[in-house]
Amino acid sequence: MFTIVETPLYIKMVDSLLTKEEQGELHTMISQNPDIGDVVPKSGGVRKVRFARQGVVKAVVLE
């Protein structure tokens, strides 16, 4: 089992980027697919995924 950790920057910005429903969908997607996305080089394991929302694609970085 994995724990999803929200960084202070994510917490500060998420409500202006995603609805509560979209936040839940993102958490579900990550928890069901913990290896999703590409590892950002020289990041120590941070992953970057694309999350489609209401016809818009946003980049989301995961640690």
C-alpha atoms as a PDB file:
ATOM      1  CA  MET A   1       0.000   0.000   0.000  1.00  0.00           C
ATOM      2  CA  PHE A   2       1.199   3.498  -0.843  1.00  0.00           C
ATOM      3  CA  THR A   3       0.604   6.875   0.776  1.00  0.00           C
ATOM      4  CA  ILE A   4      -0.065   9.882  -1.437  1.00  0.00           C
ATOM      5  CA  VAL A   5       1.778  12.914  -0.083  1.00  0.00           C
ATOM      6  CA  GLU A   6       0.644  16.393  -1.107  1.00  0.00           C
ATOM      7  CA  THR A   7       3.416  18.982  -1.087  1.00  0.00           C
ATOM      8  CA  PRO A   8       2.781  22.464   0.350  1.00  0.00           C
ATOM      9  CA  LEU A   9       2.885  23.917  -3.187  1.00  0.00           C
ATOM     10  CA  TYR A  10       0.322  21.363  -4.419  1.00  0.00           C
ATOM     11  CA  ILE A  11      -1.978  22.134  -1.482  1.00  0.00           C
ATOM     12  CA  LYS A  12      -1.668  25.868  -2.156  1.00  0.00           C
ATOM     13  CA  MET A  13      -2.471  25.586  -5.878  1.00  0.00           C
ATOM     14  CA  VAL A  14      -4.692  22.533  -6.355  1.00  0.00           C
ATOM     15  CA  ASP A  15      -8.054  24.196  -5.694  1.00  0.00           C
ATOM     16  CA  SER A  16      -7.402  26.717  -8.467  1.00  0.00           C
ATOM     17  CA  LEU A  17      -6.435  23.950 -10.910  1.00  0.00           C
ATOM     18  CA  LEU A  18      -8.738  20.998 -10.186  1.00  0.00           C
ATOM     19  CA  THR A  19     -12.251  20.517  -8.824  1.00  0.00           C
ATOM     20  CA  LYS A  20     -12.668  18.331  -5.722  1.00  0.00           C
ATOM     21  CA  GLU A  21     -13.998  15.570  -7.993  1.00  0.00           C
ATOM     22  CA  GLU A  22     -10.944  15.844 -10.263  1.00  0.00           C
ATOM     23  CA  GLN A  23      -8.638  15.769  -7.237  1.00  0.00           C
ATOM     24  CA  GLY A  24     -10.307  12.516  -6.165  1.00  0.00           C
ATOM     25  CA  GLU A  25      -9.936  11.089  -9.674  1.00  0.00           C
ATOM     26  CA  LEU A  26      -6.240  12.026  -9.686  1.00  0.00           C
ATOM     27  CA  HIS A  27      -5.678  10.387  -6.286  1.00  0.00           C
ATOM     28  CA  THR A  28      -7.466   7.239  -7.478  1.00  0.00           C
ATOM     29  CA  MET A  29      -5.425   7.134 -10.690  1.00  0.00           C
ATOM     30  CA  ILE A  30      -2.149   7.476  -8.760  1.00  0.00           C
ATOM     31  CA  SER A  31      -3.061   4.976  -6.035  1.00  0.00           C
ATOM     32  CA  GLN A  32      -4.148   2.355  -8.583  1.00  0.00           C
ATOM     33  CA  ASN A  33      -1.087   2.935 -10.813  1.00  0.00           C
ATOM     34  CA  PRO A  34       1.837   4.023  -8.585  1.00  0.00           C
ATOM     35  CA  ASP A  35       4.353   3.613 -11.431  1.00  0.00           C
ATOM     36  CA  ILE A  36       2.362   5.836 -13.812  1.00  0.00           C
ATOM     37  CA  GLY A  37       4.174   8.581 -15.667  1.00  0.00           C
ATOM     38  CA  ASP A  38       7.760   9.230 -16.594  1.00  0.00           C
ATOM     39  CA  VAL A  39      10.495   9.687 -14.003  1.00  0.00           C
ATOM     40  CA  VAL A  40      11.937  13.201 -14.216  1.00  0.00           C
ATOM     41  CA  PRO A  41      15.722  12.895 -14.755  1.00  0.00           C
ATOM     42  CA  LYS A  42      17.905  13.726 -11.730  1.00  0.00           C
ATOM     43  CA  SER A  43      14.811  14.167  -9.511  1.00  0.00           C
ATOM     44  CA  GLY A  44      15.257  11.307  -7.093  1.00  0.00           C
ATOM     45  CA  GLY A  45      12.136   9.540  -8.367  1.00  0.00           C
ATOM     46  CA  VAL A  46       9.669  12.346  -9.070  1.00  0.00           C
ATOM     47  CA  ARG A  47       7.182  11.308 -11.759  1.00  0.00           C
ATOM     48  CA  LYS A  48       5.316  13.504 -14.216  1.00  0.00           C
ATOM     49  CA  VAL A  49       1.896  12.461 -15.524  1.00  0.00           C
ATOM     50  CA  ARG A  50      -0.726  14.018 -17.758  1.00  0.00           C
ATOM     51  CA  PHE A  51      -4.219  14.357 -16.326  1.00  0.00           C
ATOM     52  CA  ALA A  52      -7.034  15.331 -18.699  1.00  0.00           C
ATOM     53  CA  ARG A  53      -9.716  17.586 -17.220  1.00  0.00           C
ATOM     54  CA  GLN A  54     -12.763  19.028 -18.923  1.00  0.00           C
ATOM     55  CA  GLY A  55     -11.111  19.030 -22.339  1.00  0.00           C
ATOM     56  CA  VAL A  56      -7.840  20.456 -20.985  1.00  0.00           C
ATOM     57  CA  VAL A  57      -4.560  18.611 -20.390  1.00  0.00           C
ATOM     58  CA  LYS A  58      -2.523  19.619 -17.349  1.00  0.00           C
ATOM     59  CA  ALA A  59       0.879  18.278 -16.357  1.00  0.00           C
ATOM     60  CA  VAL A  60       1.071  16.922 -12.820  1.00  0.00           C
ATOM     61  CA  VAL A  61       4.376  16.147 -11.105  1.00  0.00           C
ATOM     62  CA  LEU A  62       4.459  13.286  -8.580  1.00  0.00           C
ATOM     63  CA  GLU A  63       7.152  12.618  -6.015  1.00  0.00           C
END
